[in-house]
Amino acid sequence: LSNEKYRGIRLQLAASLLKIQANNPEQEEAEEEVAVEYNGSNLEIGFNVSYLLDVLGVMTTDQVRLILSDSNSSALLQEADNDDSAYVVMPMRL
């Protein structure tokens, strides 16, 4: 769905649910909901999907810890069972 020019995705976190949304200038869109362990306030943040996929591609686990403070700050990604791994991804405005 994303292309060379438009790589943005939107993550919406709410009580125990992560909604992943992508769309492009051709009016195509996709949405996926994933059950997560989350107990913070609702949060919406955008990322370049390429950067997230790069990080997820080098992780060796199925469970990932995503640490966010707000929609304008960087995200810290860690393997759920390994605190030694740490990857930082900067958000983007959508």
N, C-alpha and C. Protein backbone atom coordinates (compact mmCIF):
# COMPACT_ATOMS: atom_id res chain seq x y z
N LEU A 1 0.83 -1.20 0.00
CA LEU A 1 0.00 0.00 0.00
C LEU A 1 0.87 1.26 0.00
N SER A 2 1.92 1.23 0.78
CA SER A 2 2.81 2.38 0.72
C SER A 2 3.65 2.28 -0.54
N ASN A 3 4.19 3.40 -0.97
CA ASN A 3 4.99 3.39 -2.18
C ASN A 3 6.28 4.16 -1.94
N GLU A 4 7.07 4.36 -2.98
CA GLU A 4 8.36 5.04 -2.85
C GLU A 4 8.22 6.44 -2.25
N LYS A 5 7.15 7.14 -2.59
CA LYS A 5 6.99 8.52 -2.15
C LYS A 5 6.28 8.62 -0.80
N TYR A 6 5.35 7.73 -0.53
CA TYR A 6 4.56 7.85 0.69
C TYR A 6 4.75 6.61 1.54
N ARG A 7 5.46 6.75 2.66
CA ARG A 7 5.81 5.61 3.49
C ARG A 7 5.22 5.70 4.89
N GLY A 8 4.29 6.62 5.12
CA GLY A 8 3.78 6.84 6.47
C GLY A 8 2.71 5.85 6.88
N ILE A 9 2.78 5.45 8.16
CA ILE A 9 1.70 4.68 8.77
C ILE A 9 1.32 5.36 10.07
N ARG A 10 0.09 5.15 10.49
CA ARG A 10 -0.43 5.74 11.72
C ARG A 10 -0.69 4.61 12.72
N LEU A 11 -0.17 4.77 13.93
CA LEU A 11 -0.44 3.83 15.01
C LEU A 11 -1.34 4.52 16.02
N GLN A 12 -2.44 3.88 16.36
CA GLN A 12 -3.35 4.40 17.38
C GLN A 12 -3.41 3.39 18.51
N LEU A 13 -2.97 3.82 19.69
CA LEU A 13 -2.99 2.97 20.87
C LEU A 13 -4.14 3.36 21.77
N ALA A 14 -4.91 2.38 22.17
CA ALA A 14 -5.99 2.57 23.13
C ALA A 14 -5.95 1.36 24.06
N ALA A 15 -6.83 1.30 25.01
CA ALA A 15 -6.83 0.23 26.00
C ALA A 15 -6.73 -1.14 25.34
N SER A 16 -5.58 -1.76 25.45
CA SER A 16 -5.31 -3.13 24.98
C SER A 16 -5.47 -3.33 23.48
N LEU A 17 -5.42 -2.26 22.69
CA LEU A 17 -5.60 -2.39 21.25
C LEU A 17 -4.66 -1.45 20.50
N LEU A 18 -3.99 -1.98 19.49
CA LEU A 18 -3.16 -1.19 18.59
C LEU A 18 -3.81 -1.25 17.22
N LYS A 19 -4.15 -0.07 16.69
CA LYS A 19 -4.72 0.02 15.35
C LYS A 19 -3.65 0.59 14.43
N ILE A 20 -3.35 -0.14 13.36
CA ILE A 20 -2.35 0.28 12.38
C ILE A 20 -3.08 0.69 11.11
N GLN A 21 -2.84 1.92 10.66
CA GLN A 21 -3.53 2.43 9.47
C GLN A 21 -2.51 2.94 8.47
N ALA A 22 -2.77 2.66 7.20
CA ALA A 22 -1.94 3.17 6.12
C ALA A 22 -2.85 3.61 4.99
N ASN A 23 -2.49 4.70 4.34
CA ASN A 23 -3.20 5.13 3.14
C ASN A 23 -2.21 5.84 2.24
N ASN A 24 -2.63 6.10 1.02
CA ASN A 24 -1.73 6.76 0.07
C ASN A 24 -2.52 7.76 -0.77
N PRO A 25 -1.83 8.56 -1.57
CA PRO A 25 -2.52 9.59 -2.36
C PRO A 25 -3.52 9.03 -3.37
N GLU A 26 -3.44 7.75 -3.70
CA GLU A 26 -4.40 7.15 -4.64
C GLU A 26 -5.69 6.73 -3.94
N GLN A 27 -5.89 7.17 -2.69
CA GLN A 27 -7.09 6.90 -1.91
C GLN A 27 -7.23 5.43 -1.52
N GLU A 28 -6.14 4.68 -1.54
CA GLU A 28 -6.16 3.31 -1.06
C GLU A 28 -5.84 3.34 0.42
N GLU A 29 -6.45 2.44 1.18
CA GLU A 29 -6.17 2.41 2.61
C GLU A 29 -6.26 1.00 3.14
N ALA A 30 -5.55 0.78 4.24
CA ALA A 30 -5.56 -0.51 4.93
C ALA A 30 -5.56 -0.25 6.42
N GLU A 31 -6.17 -1.17 7.16
CA GLU A 31 -6.24 -1.03 8.61
C GLU A 31 -6.18 -2.41 9.24
N GLU A 32 -5.41 -2.52 10.30
CA GLU A 32 -5.26 -3.78 11.03
C GLU A 32 -5.32 -3.48 12.51
N GLU A 33 -6.01 -4.34 13.27
CA GLU A 33 -6.07 -4.18 14.72
C GLU A 33 -5.36 -5.36 15.37
N VAL A 34 -4.56 -5.05 16.40
CA VAL A 34 -3.77 -6.06 17.09
C VAL A 34 -3.99 -5.89 18.59
N ALA A 35 -4.27 -7.00 19.28
CA ALA A 35 -4.40 -6.96 20.73
C ALA A 35 -3.02 -6.79 21.34
N VAL A 36 -2.89 -5.86 22.28
CA VAL A 36 -1.61 -5.57 22.92
C VAL A 36 -1.81 -5.39 24.42
N GLU A 37 -0.71 -5.42 25.15
CA GLU A 37 -0.74 -5.07 26.57
C GLU A 37 -0.40 -3.59 26.66
N TYR A 38 -1.41 -2.76 26.91
CA TYR A 38 -1.22 -1.32 26.98
C TYR A 38 -2.21 -0.75 27.97
N ASN A 39 -1.71 0.07 28.90
CA ASN A 39 -2.60 0.65 29.90
C ASN A 39 -2.43 2.15 30.04
N GLY A 40 -1.81 2.80 29.07
CA GLY A 40 -1.65 4.25 29.10
C GLY A 40 -2.85 4.96 28.49
N SER A 41 -2.73 6.26 28.36
CA SER A 41 -3.80 7.04 27.73
C SER A 41 -3.74 6.84 26.21
N ASN A 42 -4.83 7.15 25.54
CA ASN A 42 -4.89 7.00 24.09
C ASN A 42 -3.78 7.82 23.44
N LEU A 43 -3.17 7.25 22.39
CA LEU A 43 -2.04 7.89 21.74
C LEU A 43 -2.09 7.58 20.26
N GLU A 44 -1.83 8.59 19.44
CA GLU A 44 -1.75 8.43 17.99
C GLU A 44 -0.40 8.97 17.54
N ILE A 45 0.33 8.17 16.75
CA ILE A 45 1.67 8.54 16.32
C ILE A 45 1.93 8.00 14.92
N GLY A 46 2.70 8.71 14.14
CA GLY A 46 3.03 8.28 12.78
C GLY A 46 4.49 7.89 12.65
N PHE A 47 4.76 6.92 11.78
CA PHE A 47 6.12 6.47 11.52
C PHE A 47 6.31 6.19 10.05
N ASN A 48 7.55 6.23 9.61
CA ASN A 48 7.91 5.75 8.29
C ASN A 48 7.95 4.23 8.39
N VAL A 49 7.12 3.55 7.63
CA VAL A 49 7.00 2.10 7.74
C VAL A 49 8.32 1.40 7.43
N SER A 50 9.15 1.96 6.58
CA SER A 50 10.44 1.35 6.25
C SER A 50 11.33 1.23 7.48
N TYR A 51 11.34 2.27 8.30
CA TYR A 51 12.18 2.24 9.49
C TYR A 51 11.69 1.20 10.50
N LEU A 52 10.37 1.11 10.68
CA LEU A 52 9.84 0.09 11.59
C LEU A 52 10.15 -1.31 11.08
N LEU A 53 9.97 -1.53 9.78
CA LEU A 53 10.24 -2.85 9.22
C LEU A 53 11.72 -3.20 9.31
N ASP A 54 12.60 -2.23 9.16
CA ASP A 54 14.04 -2.48 9.32
C ASP A 54 14.35 -2.98 10.73
N VAL A 55 13.78 -2.34 11.73
CA VAL A 55 14.01 -2.75 13.11
C VAL A 55 13.41 -4.13 13.36
N LEU A 56 12.16 -4.33 12.97
CA LEU A 56 11.51 -5.62 13.21
C LEU A 56 12.23 -6.75 12.48
N GLY A 57 12.86 -6.43 11.35
CA GLY A 57 13.56 -7.45 10.58
C GLY A 57 14.81 -8.00 11.25
N VAL A 58 15.42 -7.23 12.15
CA VAL A 58 16.61 -7.71 12.84
C VAL A 58 16.31 -8.30 14.21
N MET A 59 15.09 -8.15 14.68
CA MET A 59 14.72 -8.73 15.97
C MET A 59 14.51 -10.23 15.82
N THR A 60 14.84 -10.96 16.88
CA THR A 60 14.78 -12.42 16.82
C THR A 60 13.63 -12.98 17.64
N THR A 61 12.68 -12.16 18.02
CA THR A 61 11.57 -12.60 18.85
C THR A 61 10.24 -12.23 18.21
N ASP A 62 9.19 -12.90 18.64
CA ASP A 62 7.86 -12.59 18.14
C ASP A 62 7.19 -11.47 18.92
N GLN A 63 7.66 -11.20 20.14
CA GLN A 63 7.06 -10.16 20.96
C GLN A 63 8.02 -8.99 21.10
N VAL A 64 7.47 -7.79 20.91
CA VAL A 64 8.27 -6.57 20.91
C VAL A 64 7.70 -5.60 21.93
N ARG A 65 8.58 -4.90 22.61
CA ARG A 65 8.17 -3.85 23.54
C ARG A 65 8.36 -2.52 22.83
N LEU A 66 7.29 -1.74 22.73
CA LEU A 66 7.31 -0.42 22.11
C LEU A 66 7.08 0.61 23.21
N ILE A 67 8.08 1.44 23.47
CA ILE A 67 8.01 2.40 24.56
C ILE A 67 7.86 3.80 23.97
N LEU A 68 6.73 4.45 24.32
CA LEU A 68 6.40 5.77 23.80
C LEU A 68 6.08 6.70 24.96
N SER A 69 6.48 7.97 24.84
CA SER A 69 6.09 8.94 25.86
C SER A 69 5.00 9.87 25.34
N ASP A 70 5.11 10.29 24.08
CA ASP A 70 4.08 11.11 23.46
C ASP A 70 4.25 11.02 21.95
N SER A 71 3.35 11.66 21.21
CA SER A 71 3.34 11.51 19.75
C SER A 71 4.43 12.30 19.04
N ASN A 72 5.18 13.13 19.77
CA ASN A 72 6.24 13.92 19.15
C ASN A 72 7.64 13.43 19.50
N SER A 73 7.73 12.43 20.36
CA SER A 73 9.03 11.94 20.82
C SER A 73 9.37 10.62 20.16
N SER A 74 10.64 10.27 20.21
CA SER A 74 11.10 9.02 19.61
C SER A 74 10.48 7.82 20.30
N ALA A 75 10.47 6.71 19.58
CA ALA A 75 9.98 5.45 20.12
C ALA A 75 11.17 4.53 20.36
N LEU A 76 11.13 3.81 21.45
CA LEU A 76 12.15 2.82 21.77
C LEU A 76 11.54 1.44 21.56
N LEU A 77 12.17 0.63 20.73
CA LEU A 77 11.73 -0.73 20.49
C LEU A 77 12.75 -1.69 21.08
N GLN A 78 12.26 -2.69 21.81
CA GLN A 78 13.11 -3.71 22.42
C GLN A 78 12.47 -5.07 22.21
N GLU A 79 13.32 -6.10 22.17
CA GLU A 79 12.79 -7.45 22.19
C GLU A 79 12.21 -7.67 23.58
N ALA A 80 11.03 -8.27 23.66
CA ALA A 80 10.32 -8.39 24.93
C ALA A 80 11.13 -9.16 25.97
N ASP A 81 11.94 -10.12 25.53
CA ASP A 81 12.69 -10.95 26.47
C ASP A 81 14.17 -10.59 26.54
N ASN A 82 14.57 -9.43 25.99
CA ASN A 82 15.98 -9.07 25.94
C ASN A 82 16.12 -7.56 26.07
N ASP A 83 16.46 -7.10 27.26
CA ASP A 83 16.63 -5.66 27.48
C ASP A 83 17.92 -5.12 26.86
N ASP A 84 18.80 -6.02 26.40
CA ASP A 84 20.05 -5.58 25.79
C ASP A 84 19.85 -4.99 24.40
N SER A 85 18.76 -5.37 23.75
CA SER A 85 18.48 -4.82 22.42
C SER A 85 17.69 -3.53 22.57
N ALA A 86 18.08 -2.51 21.84
CA ALA A 86 17.37 -1.23 21.90
C ALA A 86 17.49 -0.53 20.55
N TYR A 87 16.36 -0.15 20.01
CA TYR A 87 16.31 0.52 18.71
C TYR A 87 15.44 1.76 18.85
N VAL A 88 15.88 2.87 18.29
CA VAL A 88 15.14 4.12 18.38
C VAL A 88 14.62 4.48 16.99
N VAL A 89 13.34 4.82 16.91
CA VAL A 89 12.72 5.25 15.66
C VAL A 89 12.04 6.59 15.92
N MET A 90 12.31 7.55 15.05
CA MET A 90 11.71 8.87 15.19
C MET A 90 10.34 8.90 14.52
N PRO A 91 9.39 9.62 15.10
CA PRO A 91 8.06 9.71 14.49
C PRO A 91 8.05 10.67 13.31
N MET A 92 6.98 10.63 12.55
CA MET A 92 6.79 11.59 11.46
C MET A 92 5.38 12.15 11.53
N ARG A 93 5.21 13.35 11.03
CA ARG A 93 3.88 13.96 10.98
C ARG A 93 3.12 13.37 9.80
N LEU A 94 1.86 13.05 10.04
CA LEU A 94 1.02 12.51 8.96
C LEU A 94 -0.09 13.47 8.63
